[in-house]
């Protein structure tokens, strides 16, 4: 769901977040936001309280079609071959 809102940059290069955006993302005074620049886009993201918890499980879908034990053994074998060279 995309919600388009506009903000104005002040002479001190500050912006105020629209109340609807603050409510939707549960952002409060004093909260920190991550600033992500992707091409010509500026993306503000709420900073997670716990980065480890926020990233937990990230990329687990990569392992669904792979036998992890076989993959690990192949990686170990490759390292051993590179050390022997």
PDB file of N, CA and C in Angstrom:
ATOM      1  N   UNK A   1       0.844  -1.181   0.000  1.00  0.00           N
ATOM      2  CA  UNK A   1       0.000   0.000   0.000  1.00  0.00           C
ATOM      3  C   UNK A   1       0.888   1.241   0.000  1.00  0.00           C
ATOM      4  N   UNK A   2       0.746   2.064  -0.993  1.00  0.00           N
ATOM      5  CA  UNK A   2       1.526   3.285  -1.103  1.00  0.00           C
ATOM      6  C   UNK A   2       0.701   4.468  -0.604  1.00  0.00           C
ATOM      7  N   UNK A   3       1.307   5.257   0.247  1.00  0.00           N
ATOM      8  CA  UNK A   3       0.674   6.481   0.749  1.00  0.00           C
ATOM      9  C   UNK A   3       1.563   7.640   0.333  1.00  0.00           C
ATOM     10  N   UNK A   4       1.103   8.466  -0.592  1.00  0.00           N
ATOM     11  CA  UNK A   4       1.900   9.607  -1.033  1.00  0.00           C
ATOM     12  C   UNK A   4       1.622  10.812  -0.155  1.00  0.00           C
ATOM     13  N   UNK A   5       2.682  11.412   0.346  1.00  0.00           N
ATOM     14  CA  UNK A   5       2.598  12.617   1.159  1.00  0.00           C
ATOM     15  C   UNK A   5       3.762  13.500   0.749  1.00  0.00           C
ATOM     16  N   UNK A   6       3.637  14.774   0.966  1.00  0.00           N
ATOM     17  CA  UNK A   6       4.737  15.677   0.655  1.00  0.00           C
ATOM     18  C   UNK A   6       5.195  16.388   1.918  1.00  0.00           C
ATOM     19  N   UNK A   7       6.455  16.776   1.906  1.00  0.00           N
ATOM     20  CA  UNK A   7       7.021  17.570   2.996  1.00  0.00           C
ATOM     21  C   UNK A   7       7.807  18.707   2.366  1.00  0.00           C
ATOM     22  N   UNK A   8       8.014  19.743   3.134  1.00  0.00           N
ATOM     23  CA  UNK A   8       8.779  20.890   2.664  1.00  0.00           C
ATOM     24  C   UNK A   8      10.090  20.945   3.428  1.00  0.00           C
ATOM     25  N   UNK A   9      11.191  21.189   2.718  1.00  0.00           N
ATOM     26  CA  UNK A   9      12.504  21.322   3.337  1.00  0.00           C
ATOM     27  C   UNK A   9      12.661  22.767   3.797  1.00  0.00           C
ATOM     28  N   UNK A  10      12.977  22.946   5.083  1.00  0.00           N
ATOM     29  CA  UNK A  10      13.126  24.302   5.627  1.00  0.00           C
ATOM     30  C   UNK A  10      14.470  24.892   5.209  1.00  0.00           C
ATOM     31  N   UNK A  11      14.673  26.154   5.537  1.00  0.00           N
ATOM     32  CA  UNK A  11      15.948  26.806   5.220  1.00  0.00           C
ATOM     33  C   UNK A  11      17.112  26.167   5.982  1.00  0.00           C
ATOM     34  N   UNK A  12      16.805  25.435   7.052  1.00  0.00           N
ATOM     35  CA  UNK A  12      17.837  24.715   7.809  1.00  0.00           C
ATOM     36  C   UNK A  12      17.918  23.256   7.372  1.00  0.00           C
ATOM     37  N   UNK A  13      17.328  22.920   6.201  1.00  0.00           N
ATOM     38  CA  UNK A  13      17.332  21.590   5.606  1.00  0.00           C
ATOM     39  C   UNK A  13      16.661  20.550   6.500  1.00  0.00           C
ATOM     40  N   UNK A  14      15.631  20.956   7.211  1.00  0.00           N
ATOM     41  CA  UNK A  14      14.870  20.057   8.055  1.00  0.00           C
ATOM     42  C   UNK A  14      13.518  19.796   7.418  1.00  0.00           C
ATOM     43  N   UNK A  15      12.951  18.622   7.735  1.00  0.00           N
ATOM     44  CA  UNK A  15      11.596  18.304   7.294  1.00  0.00           C
ATOM     45  C   UNK A  15      10.784  17.894   8.519  1.00  0.00           C
ATOM     46  N   UNK A  16       9.484  18.056   8.423  1.00  0.00           N
ATOM     47  CA  UNK A  16       8.571  17.561   9.451  1.00  0.00           C
ATOM     48  C   UNK A  16       7.799  16.405   8.847  1.00  0.00           C
ATOM     49  N   UNK A  17       7.724  15.309   9.592  1.00  0.00           N
ATOM     50  CA  UNK A  17       6.977  14.158   9.094  1.00  0.00           C
ATOM     51  C   UNK A  17       5.484  14.407   9.267  1.00  0.00           C
ATOM     52  N   UNK A  18       4.711  14.142   8.236  1.00  0.00           N
ATOM     53  CA  UNK A  18       3.263  14.309   8.359  1.00  0.00           C
ATOM     54  C   UNK A  18       2.710  13.414   9.476  1.00  0.00           C
ATOM     55  N   UNK A  19       1.705  13.913  10.172  1.00  0.00           N
ATOM     56  CA  UNK A  19       1.151  13.164  11.301  1.00  0.00           C
ATOM     57  C   UNK A  19       0.651  11.786  10.871  1.00  0.00           C
ATOM     58  N   UNK A  20       0.087  11.695   9.693  1.00  0.00           N
ATOM     59  CA  UNK A  20      -0.405  10.389   9.212  1.00  0.00           C
ATOM     60  C   UNK A  20       0.746   9.395   9.079  1.00  0.00           C
ATOM     61  N   UNK A  21       1.892   9.845   8.574  1.00  0.00           N
ATOM     62  CA  UNK A  21       3.059   8.973   8.439  1.00  0.00           C
ATOM     63  C   UNK A  21       3.555   8.549   9.817  1.00  0.00           C
ATOM     64  N   UNK A  22       3.599   9.490  10.748  1.00  0.00           N
ATOM     65  CA  UNK A  22       4.046   9.175  12.115  1.00  0.00           C
ATOM     66  C   UNK A  22       3.128   8.144  12.759  1.00  0.00           C
ATOM     67  N   UNK A  23       1.834   8.313  12.557  1.00  0.00           N
ATOM     68  CA  UNK A  23       0.867   7.383  13.139  1.00  0.00           C
ATOM     69  C   UNK A  23       0.978   6.000  12.494  1.00  0.00           C
ATOM     70  N   UNK A  24       1.094   5.963  11.175  1.00  0.00           N
ATOM     71  CA  UNK A  24       1.166   4.683  10.469  1.00  0.00           C
ATOM     72  C   UNK A  24       2.401   3.881  10.869  1.00  0.00           C
ATOM     73  N   UNK A  25       3.517   4.579  11.112  1.00  0.00           N
ATOM     74  CA  UNK A  25       4.778   3.895  11.430  1.00  0.00           C
ATOM     75  C   UNK A  25       5.111   3.932  12.914  1.00  0.00           C
ATOM     76  N   UNK A  26       4.206   4.477  13.728  1.00  0.00           N
ATOM     77  CA  UNK A  26       4.391   4.560  15.179  1.00  0.00           C
ATOM     78  C   UNK A  26       5.720   5.248  15.524  1.00  0.00           C
ATOM     79  N   UNK A  27       5.934   6.422  14.918  1.00  0.00           N
ATOM     80  CA  UNK A  27       7.144   7.207  15.155  1.00  0.00           C
ATOM     81  C   UNK A  27       6.815   8.297  16.172  1.00  0.00           C
ATOM     82  N   UNK A  28       7.703   8.438  17.158  1.00  0.00           N
ATOM     83  CA  UNK A  28       7.492   9.411  18.228  1.00  0.00           C
ATOM     84  C   UNK A  28       8.694  10.347  18.316  1.00  0.00           C
ATOM     85  N   UNK A  29       8.505  11.486  18.989  1.00  0.00           N
ATOM     86  CA  UNK A  29       9.594  12.444  19.190  1.00  0.00           C
ATOM     87  C   UNK A  29      10.768  11.732  19.853  1.00  0.00           C
ATOM     88  N   UNK A  30      11.959  11.954  19.335  1.00  0.00           N
ATOM     89  CA  UNK A  30      13.163  11.335  19.876  1.00  0.00           C
ATOM     90  C   UNK A  30      13.546  10.038  19.196  1.00  0.00           C
ATOM     91  N   UNK A  31      12.629   9.439  18.414  1.00  0.00           N
ATOM     92  CA  UNK A  31      12.965   8.213  17.673  1.00  0.00           C
ATOM     93  C   UNK A  31      14.009   8.532  16.616  1.00  0.00           C
ATOM     94  N   UNK A  32      14.818   7.558  16.301  1.00  0.00           N
ATOM     95  CA  UNK A  32      15.825   7.718  15.250  1.00  0.00           C
ATOM     96  C   UNK A  32      15.345   7.013  13.993  1.00  0.00           C
ATOM     97  N   UNK A  33      15.681   7.600  12.835  1.00  0.00           N
ATOM     98  CA  UNK A  33      15.325   7.024  11.545  1.00  0.00           C
ATOM     99  C   UNK A  33      16.593   6.733  10.763  1.00  0.00           C
ATOM    100  N   UNK A  34      16.583   5.628  10.035  1.00  0.00           N
ATOM    101  CA  UNK A  34      17.674   5.325   9.116  1.00  0.00           C
ATOM    102  C   UNK A  34      17.414   6.064   7.813  1.00  0.00           C
ATOM    103  N   UNK A  35      18.450   6.629   7.227  1.00  0.00           N
ATOM    104  CA  UNK A  35      18.332   7.318   5.948  1.00  0.00           C
ATOM    105  C   UNK A  35      18.996   6.439   4.895  1.00  0.00           C
ATOM    106  N   UNK A  36      18.211   6.008   3.923  1.00  0.00           N
ATOM    107  CA  UNK A  36      18.701   5.139   2.858  1.00  0.00           C
ATOM    108  C   UNK A  36      18.530   5.883   1.539  1.00  0.00           C
ATOM    109  N   UNK A  37      19.619   6.020   0.791  1.00  0.00           N
ATOM    110  CA  UNK A  37      19.567   6.686  -0.510  1.00  0.00           C
ATOM    111  C   UNK A  37      19.717   5.620  -1.586  1.00  0.00           C
ATOM    112  N   UNK A  38      18.702   5.505  -2.432  1.00  0.00           N
ATOM    113  CA  UNK A  38      18.703   4.543  -3.530  1.00  0.00           C
ATOM    114  C   UNK A  38      18.464   5.299  -4.820  1.00  0.00           C
ATOM    115  N   UNK A  39      19.548   5.494  -5.567  1.00  0.00           N
ATOM    116  CA  UNK A  39      19.443   6.278  -6.796  1.00  0.00           C
ATOM    117  C   UNK A  39      19.066   7.705  -6.453  1.00  0.00           C
ATOM    118  N   UNK A  40      17.911   8.146  -6.965  1.00  0.00           N
ATOM    119  CA  UNK A  40      17.468   9.510  -6.669  1.00  0.00           C
ATOM    120  C   UNK A  40      16.364   9.531  -5.603  1.00  0.00           C
ATOM    121  N   UNK A  41      16.263   8.432  -4.833  1.00  0.00           N
ATOM    122  CA  UNK A  41      15.243   8.358  -3.782  1.00  0.00           C
ATOM    123  C   UNK A  41      15.882   8.436  -2.401  1.00  0.00           C
ATOM    124  N   UNK A  42      15.217   9.117  -1.506  1.00  0.00           N
ATOM    125  CA  UNK A  42      15.592   9.201  -0.104  1.00  0.00           C
ATOM    126  C   UNK A  42      14.535   8.428   0.672  1.00  0.00           C
ATOM    127  N   UNK A  43      14.967   7.400   1.402  1.00  0.00           N
ATOM    128  CA  UNK A  43      14.031   6.549   2.129  1.00  0.00           C
ATOM    129  C   UNK A  43      14.335   6.654   3.616  1.00  0.00           C
ATOM    130  N   UNK A  44      13.317   6.955   4.406  1.00  0.00           N
ATOM    131  CA  UNK A  44      13.455   7.023   5.861  1.00  0.00           C
ATOM    132  C   UNK A  44      12.812   5.771   6.450  1.00  0.00           C
ATOM    133  N   UNK A  45      13.561   5.084   7.299  1.00  0.00           N
ATOM    134  CA  UNK A  45      13.073   3.864   7.924  1.00  0.00           C
ATOM    135  C   UNK A  45      13.217   3.964   9.435  1.00  0.00           C
ATOM    136  N   UNK A  46      12.215   3.526  10.190  1.00  0.00           N
ATOM    137  CA  UNK A  46      12.377   3.510  11.637  1.00  0.00           C
ATOM    138  C   UNK A  46      13.554   2.605  12.013  1.00  0.00           C
ATOM    139  N   UNK A  47      14.398   3.072  12.922  1.00  0.00           N
ATOM    140  CA  UNK A  47      15.524   2.275  13.381  1.00  0.00           C
ATOM    141  C   UNK A  47      14.998   1.199  14.321  1.00  0.00           C
ATOM    142  N   UNK A  48      15.334  -0.059  14.060  1.00  0.00           N
ATOM    143  CA  UNK A  48      14.843  -1.117  14.951  1.00  0.00           C
ATOM    144  C   UNK A  48      15.494  -1.024  16.327  1.00  0.00           C
ATOM    145  N   UNK A  49      14.764  -1.440  17.344  1.00  0.00           N
ATOM    146  CA  UNK A  49      15.318  -1.469  18.697  1.00  0.00           C
ATOM    147  C   UNK A  49      16.447  -2.490  18.788  1.00  0.00           C
ATOM    148  N   UNK A  50      16.310  -3.589  18.058  1.00  0.00           N
ATOM    149  CA  UNK A  50      17.290  -4.675  18.095  1.00  0.00           C
ATOM    150  C   UNK A  50      17.588  -5.103  16.657  1.00  0.00           C
ATOM    151  N   UNK A  51      18.757  -4.715  16.155  1.00  0.00           N
ATOM    152  CA  UNK A  51      19.112  -5.038  14.772  1.00  0.00           C
ATOM    153  C   UNK A  51      19.197  -6.541  14.544  1.00  0.00           C
ATOM    154  N   UNK A  52      19.701  -7.280  15.519  1.00  0.00           N
ATOM    155  CA  UNK A  52      19.817  -8.733  15.372  1.00  0.00           C
ATOM    156  C   UNK A  52      18.434  -9.339  15.189  1.00  0.00           C
ATOM    157  N   UNK A  53      17.485  -8.937  16.014  1.00  0.00           N
ATOM    158  CA  UNK A  53      16.121  -9.451  15.912  1.00  0.00           C
ATOM    159  C   UNK A  53      15.482  -9.037  14.583  1.00  0.00           C
ATOM    160  N   UNK A  54      15.738  -7.806  14.156  1.00  0.00           N
ATOM    161  CA  UNK A  54      15.155  -7.311  12.907  1.00  0.00           C
ATOM    162  C   UNK A  54      15.686  -8.073  11.692  1.00  0.00           C
ATOM    163  N   UNK A  55      16.938  -8.519  11.750  1.00  0.00           N
ATOM    164  CA  UNK A  55      17.546  -9.227  10.622  1.00  0.00           C
ATOM    165  C   UNK A  55      17.425 -10.740  10.733  1.00  0.00           C
ATOM    166  N   UNK A  56      16.922 -11.230  11.845  1.00  0.00           N
ATOM    167  CA  UNK A  56      16.775 -12.665  12.059  1.00  0.00           C
ATOM    168  C   UNK A  56      15.901 -13.285  10.974  1.00  0.00           C
ATOM    169  N   UNK A  57      16.398 -14.329  10.364  1.00  0.00           N
ATOM    170  CA  UNK A  57      15.641 -15.027   9.327  1.00  0.00           C
ATOM    171  C   UNK A  57      15.784 -14.425   7.947  1.00  0.00           C
ATOM    172  N   UNK A  58      16.507 -13.319   7.826  1.00  0.00           N
ATOM    173  CA  UNK A  58      16.683 -12.685   6.527  1.00  0.00           C
ATOM    174  C   UNK A  58      17.415 -13.639   5.587  1.00  0.00           C
ATOM    175  N   UNK A  59      16.863 -13.899   4.454  1.00  0.00           N
ATOM    176  CA  UNK A  59      17.492 -14.758   3.452  1.00  0.00           C
ATOM    177  C   UNK A  59      17.273 -16.236   3.669  1.00  0.00           C
ATOM    178  N   UNK A  60      16.395 -16.612   4.605  1.00  0.00           N
ATOM    179  CA  UNK A  60      16.204 -18.034   4.849  1.00  0.00           C
ATOM    180  C   UNK A  60      15.620 -18.751   3.636  1.00  0.00           C
ATOM    181  N   UNK A  61      14.917 -18.014   2.776  1.00  0.00           N
ATOM    182  CA  UNK A  61      14.353 -18.623   1.577  1.00  0.00           C
ATOM    183  C   UNK A  61      15.429 -19.096   0.608  1.00  0.00           C
ATOM    184  N   UNK A  62      16.653 -18.579   0.734  1.00  0.00           N
ATOM    185  CA  UNK A  62      17.766 -18.999  -0.124  1.00  0.00           C
ATOM    186  C   UNK A  62      18.080 -20.469   0.103  1.00  0.00           C
ATOM    187  N   UNK A  63      17.859 -20.942   1.323  1.00  0.00           N
ATOM    188  CA  UNK A  63      18.242 -22.303   1.696  1.00  0.00           C
ATOM    189  C   UNK A  63      17.141 -23.327   1.479  1.00  0.00           C
ATOM    190  N   UNK A  64      15.993 -22.951   0.973  1.00  0.00           N
ATOM    191  CA  UNK A  64      14.883 -23.891   0.867  1.00  0.00           C
ATOM    192  C   UNK A  64      15.139 -24.994  -0.157  1.00  0.00           C
ATOM    193  N   UNK A  65      15.849 -24.701  -1.232  1.00  0.00           N
ATOM    194  CA  UNK A  65      16.069 -25.701  -2.274  1.00  0.00           C
ATOM    195  C   UNK A  65      17.483 -26.280  -2.222  1.00  0.00           C
ATOM    196  N   UNK A  66      18.220 -26.025  -1.147  1.00  0.00           N
ATOM    197  CA  UNK A  66      19.608 -26.465  -1.045  1.00  0.00           C
ATOM    198  C   UNK A  66      19.776 -27.331   0.193  1.00  0.00           C
ATOM    199  N   UNK A  67      20.471 -28.451   0.023  1.00  0.00           N
ATOM    200  CA  UNK A  67      20.828 -29.270   1.178  1.00  0.00           C
ATOM    201  C   UNK A  67      22.024 -28.593   1.851  1.00  0.00           C
ATOM    202  N   UNK A  68      21.799 -28.032   3.027  1.00  0.00           N
ATOM    203  CA  UNK A  68      22.833 -27.230   3.677  1.00  0.00           C
ATOM    204  C   UNK A  68      24.079 -28.035   4.023  1.00  0.00           C
ATOM    205  N   UNK A  69      23.930 -29.307   4.389  1.00  0.00           N
ATOM    206  CA  UNK A  69      25.093 -30.131   4.730  1.00  0.00           C
ATOM    207  C   UNK A  69      25.973 -30.356   3.496  1.00  0.00           C
ATOM    208  N   UNK A  70      25.359 -30.625   2.356  1.00  0.00           N
ATOM    209  CA  UNK A  70      26.105 -30.821   1.118  1.00  0.00           C
ATOM    210  C   UNK A  70      26.795 -29.530   0.700  1.00  0.00           C
ATOM    211  N   UNK A  71      26.082 -28.416   0.785  1.00  0.00           N
ATOM    212  CA  UNK A  71      26.652 -27.123   0.435  1.00  0.00           C
ATOM    213  C   UNK A  71      27.859 -26.811   1.309  1.00  0.00           C
ATOM    214  N   UNK A  72      27.726 -27.034   2.603  1.00  0.00           N
ATOM    215  CA  UNK A  72      28.815 -26.759   3.535  1.00  0.00           C
ATOM    216  C   UNK A  72      30.034 -27.622   3.227  1.00  0.00           C
ATOM    217  N   UNK A  73      29.801 -28.889   2.920  1.00  0.00           N
ATOM    218  CA  UNK A  73      30.921 -29.775   2.584  1.00  0.00           C
ATOM    219  C   UNK A  73      31.617 -29.319   1.304  1.00  0.00           C
ATOM    220  N   UNK A  74      30.852 -28.883   0.314  1.00  0.00           N
ATOM    221  CA  UNK A  74      31.447 -28.385  -0.929  1.00  0.00           C
ATOM    222  C   UNK A  74      32.289 -27.136  -0.669  1.00  0.00           C
ATOM    223  N   UNK A  75      31.808 -26.255   0.182  1.00  0.00           N
ATOM    224  CA  UNK A  75      32.584 -25.056   0.526  1.00  0.00           C
ATOM    225  C   UNK A  75      33.876 -25.421   1.246  1.00  0.00           C
ATOM    226  N   UNK A  76      33.791 -26.364   2.186  1.00  0.00           N
ATOM    227  CA  UNK A  76      34.993 -26.796   2.910  1.00  0.00           C
ATOM    228  C   UNK A  76      36.001 -27.428   1.954  1.00  0.00           C
ATOM    229  N   UNK A  77      35.511 -28.255   1.035  1.00  0.00           N
ATOM    230  CA  UNK A  77      36.398 -28.886   0.053  1.00  0.00           C
ATOM    231  C   UNK A  77      37.077 -27.829  -0.821  1.00  0.00           C
ATOM    232  N   UNK A  78      36.323 -26.803  -1.232  1.00  0.00           N
ATOM    233  CA  UNK A  78      36.892 -25.737  -2.059  1.00  0.00           C
ATOM    234  C   UNK A  78      37.986 -24.992  -1.291  1.00  0.00           C
ATOM    235  N   UNK A  79      37.749 -24.701  -0.022  1.00  0.00           N
ATOM    236  CA  UNK A  79      38.774 -24.042   0.791  1.00  0.00           C
ATOM    237  C   UNK A  79      40.007 -24.915   0.932  1.00  0.00           C
ATOM    238  N   UNK A  80      39.809 -26.208   1.144  1.00  0.00           N
ATOM    239  CA  UNK A  80      40.956 -27.114   1.292  1.00  0.00           C
ATOM    240  C   UNK A  80      41.764 -27.194   0.003  1.00  0.00           C
ATOM    241  N   UNK A  81      41.074 -27.217  -1.144  1.00  0.00           N
ATOM    242  CA  UNK A  81      41.783 -27.246  -2.433  1.00  0.00           C
ATOM    243  C   UNK A  81      42.565 -25.958  -2.643  1.00  0.00           C
ATOM    244  N   UNK A  82      42.020 -24.813  -2.247  1.00  0.00           N
ATOM    245  CA  UNK A  82      42.723 -23.545  -2.448  1.00  0.00           C
ATOM    246  C   UNK A  82      43.933 -23.432  -1.520  1.00  0.00           C
ATOM    247  N   UNK A  83      43.870 -24.052  -0.362  1.00  0.00           N
ATOM    248  CA  UNK A  83      45.014 -24.045   0.551  1.00  0.00           C
ATOM    249  C   UNK A  83      46.128 -24.960   0.075  1.00  0.00           C
ATOM    250  N   UNK A  84      45.775 -26.031  -0.666  1.00  0.00           N
ATOM    251  CA  UNK A  84      46.764 -26.980  -1.170  1.00  0.00           C
ATOM    252  C   UNK A  84      47.520 -26.415  -2.361  1.00  0.00           C
ATOM    253  N   UNK A  85      46.962 -25.463  -3.048  1.00  0.00           N
ATOM    254  CA  UNK A  85      47.579 -24.929  -4.273  1.00  0.00           C
ATOM    255  C   UNK A  85      48.769 -24.064  -4.006  1.00  0.00           C
TER     256      UNK A  85
END
